[in-house]
Protein backbone atom coordinates (compact mmCIF):
# COMPACT_ATOMS: atom_id res chain seq x y z
CA MET A 1 -37.99 -19.78 22.52
CA ARG A 2 -41.11 -21.41 22.82
CA ALA A 3 -42.19 -20.89 18.97
CA GLN A 4 -38.45 -22.20 17.93
CA PHE A 5 -38.77 -24.86 20.18
CA VAL A 6 -42.38 -25.66 18.31
CA LEU A 7 -41.33 -25.53 14.89
CA SER A 8 -38.01 -27.81 15.60
CA GLU A 9 -40.41 -30.36 17.14
CA ILE A 10 -42.47 -29.66 14.16
CA GLY A 11 -38.80 -30.78 12.05
CA VAL A 12 -38.30 -33.77 14.31
CA GLY A 13 -41.53 -35.57 13.96
CA LEU A 14 -41.81 -34.96 10.31
CA ARG A 15 -38.10 -36.38 10.00
CA ARG A 16 -39.05 -38.82 11.75
CA ASN A 17 -42.21 -39.59 10.02
CA LEU A 18 -41.43 -38.90 6.76
CA THR A 19 -42.99 -41.41 5.11
CA MET A 20 -46.23 -41.38 6.81
CA THR A 21 -45.58 -38.03 6.16
CA PHE A 22 -45.92 -38.09 2.47
CA ALA A 23 -48.58 -40.40 2.44
CA VAL A 24 -50.56 -37.88 3.84
CA ILE A 25 -49.87 -35.29 1.38
CA VAL A 26 -50.28 -37.61 -1.30
CA SER A 27 -53.79 -39.01 -0.04
CA VAL A 28 -54.70 -34.69 1.07
CA ALA A 29 -53.64 -33.57 -2.60
CA LEU A 30 -55.30 -36.22 -4.32
CA SER A 31 -59.08 -35.60 -2.44
CA LEU A 32 -58.83 -32.74 -2.43
CA ALA A 33 -57.79 -31.89 -6.46
CA LEU A 34 -60.71 -34.32 -7.18
CA PHE A 35 -62.90 -31.73 -4.63
CA GLY A 36 -61.98 -28.75 -6.61
CA GLY A 37 -62.21 -31.23 -10.26
CA ALA A 38 -65.56 -31.56 -8.95
CA LEU A 39 -66.60 -27.77 -8.02
CA LEU A 40 -65.12 -25.95 -10.90
CA MET A 41 -67.10 -29.47 -13.08
CA SER A 42 -70.41 -27.86 -11.70
CA GLN A 43 -69.74 -24.07 -12.15
CA GLN A 44 -68.85 -25.47 -15.70
CA VAL A 45 -72.65 -27.47 -16.05
CA ASN A 46 -74.05 -24.45 -14.85
CA THR A 47 -71.65 -22.26 -17.36
CA MET A 48 -72.70 -24.31 -20.01
CA LYS A 49 -76.64 -23.64 -19.38
CA ASP A 50 -76.58 -20.30 -19.05
CA PHE A 51 -74.86 -20.32 -22.18
CA TRP A 52 -77.15 -22.67 -24.29
CA TYR A 53 -79.97 -22.12 -23.01
CA ASP A 54 -79.88 -18.76 -23.97
CA LYS A 55 -79.71 -19.78 -27.82
CA VAL A 56 -81.54 -23.32 -27.86
CA ASN A 57 -85.18 -22.59 -29.87
CA VAL A 58 -88.51 -24.41 -29.03
CA SER A 59 -89.44 -26.43 -32.33
CA ILE A 60 -92.75 -26.72 -33.90
CA PHE A 61 -92.42 -29.55 -36.86
CA LEU A 62 -95.33 -29.08 -38.66
CA CYS A 63 -96.89 -32.43 -40.81
CA ASN A 64 -95.71 -33.23 -44.46
CA LYS A 65 -96.90 -35.81 -46.76
CA ASN A 66 -95.55 -38.81 -45.51
CA ASP A 67 -96.43 -38.06 -41.88
CA ALA A 68 -99.99 -38.89 -43.13
CA THR A 69 -99.55 -42.39 -42.89
CA THR A 70 -98.41 -42.16 -39.12
CA ASN A 71 -100.72 -42.72 -36.06
CA ARG A 72 -99.91 -39.32 -34.81
CA SER A 73 -104.11 -38.33 -35.24
CA SER A 74 -102.84 -34.72 -36.21
CA CYS A 75 -101.62 -35.32 -38.99
CA GLY A 76 -104.13 -37.97 -40.27
CA LYS A 77 -105.24 -35.16 -42.87
CA GLY A 78 -101.97 -35.00 -44.30
CA ALA A 79 -99.31 -32.01 -44.91
CA VAL A 80 -100.04 -28.87 -43.03
CA THR A 81 -102.26 -26.72 -44.43
CA ASP A 82 -101.22 -22.90 -45.49
CA GLN A 83 -104.60 -21.52 -43.32
CA GLN A 84 -103.06 -23.74 -41.33
CA LYS A 85 -99.54 -22.53 -40.68
CA GLN A 86 -100.83 -18.58 -40.94
CA GLN A 87 -103.09 -19.66 -37.52
CA ILE A 88 -99.72 -21.52 -35.96
CA GLN A 89 -97.56 -18.47 -36.56
CA ALA A 90 -100.43 -15.82 -35.31
CA ASP A 91 -100.99 -17.87 -32.39
CA LEU A 92 -97.21 -18.13 -31.50
CA LYS A 93 -97.07 -14.11 -31.88
CA LYS A 94 -99.49 -13.43 -29.64
CA MET A 95 -97.67 -15.82 -27.16
CA SER A 96 -96.03 -13.21 -24.23
CA ILE A 97 -94.05 -15.36 -23.71
CA VAL A 98 -92.32 -15.62 -27.60
CA GLU A 99 -89.57 -13.43 -28.33
CA THR A 100 -88.73 -14.28 -31.50
CA VAL A 101 -90.40 -17.19 -34.37
CA HIS A 102 -88.53 -18.33 -37.48
CA TYR A 103 -90.12 -20.62 -40.23
CA GLU A 104 -87.87 -22.64 -41.93
CA THR A 105 -88.99 -24.35 -45.11
CA ALA A 106 -88.48 -28.46 -46.45
CA GLU A 107 -86.15 -26.96 -48.72
CA GLN A 108 -84.10 -24.70 -45.95
CA ALA A 109 -84.23 -27.80 -43.17
CA TYR A 110 -83.22 -30.63 -46.19
CA LYS A 111 -80.35 -27.79 -46.94
CA LEU A 112 -78.79 -27.99 -43.17
CA TYR A 113 -79.36 -31.75 -42.68
CA LYS A 114 -76.81 -32.11 -46.20
CA GLU A 115 -74.65 -29.57 -44.46
CA GLN A 116 -74.28 -31.34 -41.84
CA TYR A 117 -74.85 -34.95 -42.21
CA GLY A 118 -73.50 -35.09 -46.57
CA ASP A 119 -71.39 -37.69 -45.75
CA THR A 120 -73.22 -40.59 -43.68
CA ALA A 121 -75.21 -43.16 -46.11
CA ILE A 122 -79.13 -42.29 -44.73
CA ALA A 123 -77.73 -38.77 -46.41
CA ALA A 124 -78.03 -39.88 -49.81
CA THR A 125 -81.46 -41.33 -49.60
CA ILE A 126 -82.89 -37.82 -48.12
CA THR A 127 -85.23 -35.99 -50.48
CA PRO A 128 -86.39 -32.53 -49.54
CA ASP A 129 -90.19 -33.85 -49.76
CA GLN A 130 -89.08 -35.64 -46.97
CA MET A 131 -88.29 -32.67 -45.06
CA GLN A 132 -90.37 -31.44 -42.55
CA GLU A 133 -91.39 -27.28 -41.99
CA SER A 134 -91.21 -25.99 -38.93
CA TYR A 135 -91.13 -23.08 -36.33
CA ARG A 136 -87.71 -22.53 -34.42
CA VAL A 137 -89.86 -20.63 -31.69
CA LYS A 138 -87.06 -18.44 -28.95
CA LEU A 139 -88.84 -18.00 -25.43
CA LYS A 140 -88.15 -15.24 -22.95
CA ASP A 141 -87.82 -17.56 -20.63
CA PRO A 142 -86.87 -21.47 -21.58
CA GLU A 143 -88.46 -22.90 -18.81
CA LYS A 144 -91.68 -21.80 -20.38
CA TYR A 145 -91.47 -24.65 -22.47
CA GLN A 146 -94.50 -26.62 -21.62
CA VAL A 147 -97.14 -23.52 -22.02
CA VAL A 148 -95.60 -23.59 -26.26
CA ALA A 149 -95.81 -27.51 -25.69
CA SER A 150 -99.39 -27.76 -24.31
CA ALA A 151 -100.71 -24.90 -26.85
CA PHE A 152 -99.18 -26.81 -30.18
CA ALA A 153 -98.44 -30.73 -29.30
CA ASP A 154 -102.27 -31.56 -30.59
CA ARG A 155 -102.88 -29.07 -32.95
CA GLU A 156 -103.88 -29.99 -36.23
CA GLY A 157 -101.10 -29.82 -38.52
CA VAL A 158 -98.59 -29.93 -36.09
CA HIS A 159 -96.27 -33.14 -36.32
CA GLN A 160 -94.56 -32.61 -32.67
CA VAL A 161 -93.47 -30.20 -30.69
CA ARG A 162 -89.55 -30.41 -29.67
CA ASP A 163 -86.90 -27.89 -27.08
CA GLN A 164 -83.30 -28.11 -27.40
CA ARG A 165 -82.74 -28.69 -24.52
CA ASP A 166 -84.25 -32.09 -24.54
CA ILE A 167 -80.69 -33.14 -26.14
CA LEU A 168 -78.63 -30.78 -24.10
CA GLU A 169 -79.46 -32.51 -20.76
CA ASN A 170 -77.78 -35.68 -21.97
CA LEU A 171 -74.94 -34.26 -22.55
CA PHE A 172 -75.37 -32.17 -18.80
CA SER A 173 -76.82 -35.41 -16.81
CA LEU A 174 -73.33 -37.24 -17.71
CA MET A 175 -71.50 -34.42 -15.95
CA ASN A 176 -73.21 -34.05 -13.48
CA ALA A 177 -72.79 -38.11 -12.73
CA MET A 178 -68.89 -37.46 -13.58
CA ARG A 179 -69.13 -34.36 -10.53
CA VAL A 180 -70.99 -37.26 -7.66
CA ALA A 181 -68.53 -39.59 -8.60
CA ALA A 182 -65.95 -37.66 -8.31
CA LEU A 183 -67.20 -36.04 -4.70
CA VAL A 184 -67.34 -39.84 -3.52
CA VAL A 185 -63.93 -40.53 -4.71
CA MET A 186 -63.19 -37.48 -2.71
CA ALA A 187 -65.05 -38.56 0.12
CA LEU A 188 -62.91 -41.59 0.42
CA MET A 189 -59.97 -40.64 -0.36
CA LEU A 190 -60.37 -37.79 2.47
CA VAL A 191 -61.51 -40.72 5.09
CA ILE A 192 -58.00 -42.46 3.81
CA ALA A 193 -56.81 -38.75 4.86
CA MET A 194 -58.22 -38.64 8.10
CA MET A 195 -57.56 -42.28 8.88
CA LEU A 196 -53.34 -41.79 8.02
CA ILE A 197 -53.42 -38.33 9.94
CA VAL A 198 -54.69 -40.23 13.27
CA ASN A 199 -51.89 -43.13 12.64
CA THR A 200 -49.63 -40.37 11.76
CA VAL A 201 -49.88 -38.71 15.44
CA ARG A 202 -50.30 -42.01 17.12
CA VAL A 203 -46.68 -43.05 15.89
CA SER A 204 -45.38 -39.47 16.24
CA ALA A 205 -47.46 -39.28 20.39
CA PHE A 206 -45.54 -42.51 20.72
CA SER A 207 -41.83 -41.92 19.53
CA ARG A 208 -41.73 -38.88 21.88
CA ARG A 209 -43.10 -39.98 24.86
CA ARG A 210 -40.54 -39.15 26.74
CA GLU A 211 -40.05 -36.09 25.61
CA THR A 212 -43.95 -34.86 26.50
CA GLY A 213 -42.98 -36.44 29.68
CA ILE A 214 -41.04 -34.97 30.44
CA MET A 215 -42.52 -31.31 29.76
CA ARG A 216 -45.60 -32.97 31.43
CA LEU A 217 -43.78 -33.00 34.71
CA VAL A 218 -42.12 -29.09 34.11
CA GLY A 219 -45.66 -27.83 34.06
CA SER A 220 -46.20 -26.90 30.19
CA SER A 221 -49.61 -26.44 29.12
CA SER A 222 -51.58 -29.01 27.24
CA PHE A 223 -52.07 -26.52 24.24
CA TYR A 224 -48.47 -26.51 24.68
CA ILE A 225 -47.40 -29.89 23.99
CA GLN A 226 -49.94 -30.87 21.66
CA MET A 227 -49.43 -27.87 19.55
CA PRO A 228 -46.07 -29.48 17.67
CA PHE A 229 -48.01 -32.51 16.22
CA ILE A 230 -51.15 -30.62 15.79
CA MET A 231 -48.68 -28.11 13.16
CA GLU A 232 -46.95 -31.57 11.63
CA ALA A 233 -50.44 -32.20 10.72
CA ALA A 234 -51.31 -28.95 9.64
CA PHE A 235 -48.08 -28.47 7.69
CA ALA A 236 -48.31 -31.98 5.90
CA GLY A 237 -52.02 -30.67 4.99
CA LEU A 238 -51.19 -27.39 3.33
CA LEU A 239 -48.39 -29.53 1.41
CA GLY A 240 -51.05 -31.13 0.48
CA GLY A 241 -53.42 -28.48 -0.57
CA ALA A 242 -51.14 -26.37 -2.41
CA VAL A 243 -50.22 -29.50 -4.65
CA ALA A 244 -53.62 -29.81 -4.93
CA CYS A 245 -54.39 -26.52 -6.24
CA GLY A 246 -51.54 -27.34 -9.29
CA PHE A 247 -53.13 -30.17 -10.16
CA LEU A 248 -56.28 -27.87 -10.73
CA LEU A 249 -53.96 -25.16 -12.77
CA LEU A 250 -52.15 -27.95 -14.71
CA GLY A 251 -55.86 -29.40 -14.84
CA ARG A 252 -56.93 -26.38 -16.53
CA TYR A 253 -53.97 -25.38 -18.72
CA PHE A 254 -53.56 -28.46 -20.33
CA LEU A 255 -57.72 -29.55 -20.96
CA ILE A 256 -58.43 -25.81 -22.13
CA ASP A 257 -55.60 -24.01 -23.33
CA ASN A 258 -53.14 -26.64 -24.65
CA GLY A 259 -52.79 -30.30 -24.44
CA LEU A 260 -56.35 -30.99 -25.51
CA ALA A 261 -56.35 -27.26 -25.75
CA LEU A 262 -60.57 -28.27 -26.31
CA ALA A 263 -61.06 -23.71 -26.27
CA ASP A 264 -59.78 -24.45 -29.67
CA LYS A 265 -60.95 -27.15 -31.00
CA VAL A 266 -64.81 -26.79 -29.73
CA GLN A 267 -65.58 -23.73 -29.99
CA LEU A 268 -69.88 -24.13 -29.41
CA ILE A 269 -68.89 -24.62 -25.54
CA GLU A 270 -68.04 -21.66 -23.58
CA PHE A 271 -65.47 -23.04 -20.65
CA ILE A 272 -64.76 -21.50 -17.41
CA GLY A 273 -61.78 -19.05 -17.41
CA TRP A 274 -59.34 -18.81 -14.94
CA ASP A 275 -60.73 -17.15 -12.40
CA ALA A 276 -62.80 -19.72 -11.84
CA VAL A 277 -59.91 -21.89 -10.94
CA PHE A 278 -58.09 -19.11 -8.72
CA THR A 279 -61.47 -19.11 -6.53
CA LYS A 280 -61.65 -22.32 -5.48
CA LEU A 281 -57.62 -22.15 -4.62
CA PRO A 282 -58.34 -20.20 -0.84
CA LEU A 283 -60.62 -23.26 -0.55
CA VAL A 284 -59.08 -25.91 -0.96
CA LEU A 285 -55.25 -24.66 0.70
CA ALA A 286 -58.25 -23.94 3.85
CA ILE A 287 -59.54 -27.18 3.81
CA GLY A 288 -56.28 -28.42 3.63
CA LEU A 289 -54.44 -26.51 6.48
CA LEU A 290 -57.65 -27.15 8.99
CA MET A 291 -58.64 -30.76 8.06
CA PRO A 292 -55.74 -32.35 9.45
CA ALA A 293 -55.52 -29.54 12.39
CA ILE A 294 -58.79 -30.56 13.54
CA ALA A 295 -58.52 -34.70 13.04
CA ALA A 296 -55.12 -34.73 15.02
CA SER A 297 -56.15 -32.01 17.32
CA LEU A 298 -59.01 -34.87 17.88
CA ALA A 299 -56.35 -38.07 17.94
CA LEU A 300 -54.51 -36.34 20.48
CA ARG A 301 -57.33 -36.25 23.18
CA LYS A 302 -56.42 -40.68 22.66
CA TYR A 303 -52.83 -41.14 22.15
CA LEU A 304 -51.90 -37.93 23.96
CA LYS A 305 -52.40 -37.45 27.64
CA VAL A 306 -51.86 -34.10 28.99
């Protein structure tokens, strides 16, 4: 009987405050969708790091004859000599942190450049002798890049030591900035949602002040009187969480699998799978359920004297 009464009161409360309940659902849905999106973006960045850091190399570019005119002291004597190349390769192979060493000639570098940038205007002005020979070094631990850089950066015959991770870090920094921006917007939306929940509870408590007064007179407990209001907020929050879950599923489907179909168009990136999305859904639903319930419980202490 009591359960039936509580459920009927929940229905009455939702109907009386339909507009505000809808606003709560929308604000909770948007804030939790941003929260889930930020979590997924963070996981995507970590996935890309794991995928790429295992594949990127440290490149040791050697001096060519044109580098003698630059201010690089290590290239002051002109192009790298055969003896210097042999010594560099031997020292690389002695390093315990080095997994593999691949030597790339100027002709190979030129051919690769033409394949990648052959349609650009500057590609027509490049000749093979302008390209630099290099050693592509794969490390057992990519974090040990500085060990290689400090050992070879100022050596004669070496023009530059470059870690390819630097190129990726700009992309990762951008994605992390987007994640932080999503979290900031999410925080603002959560504040708005909490304010809406508190205001909805206040209006609902005021509109039912006669019923709650009678319940107090007949000796109903505080918990029993407050429960319909708390469950109204929790139900609205749960609906908002469910909508947010729908947004996350649709976002994964249209961005990666279909619609934009990034998985087919950008095959150099390993995207997060459906399992990553599904593991976030229970958390989103739990927050959607608990956050409004807690906010309503705190608001009732002020607006519903029991």
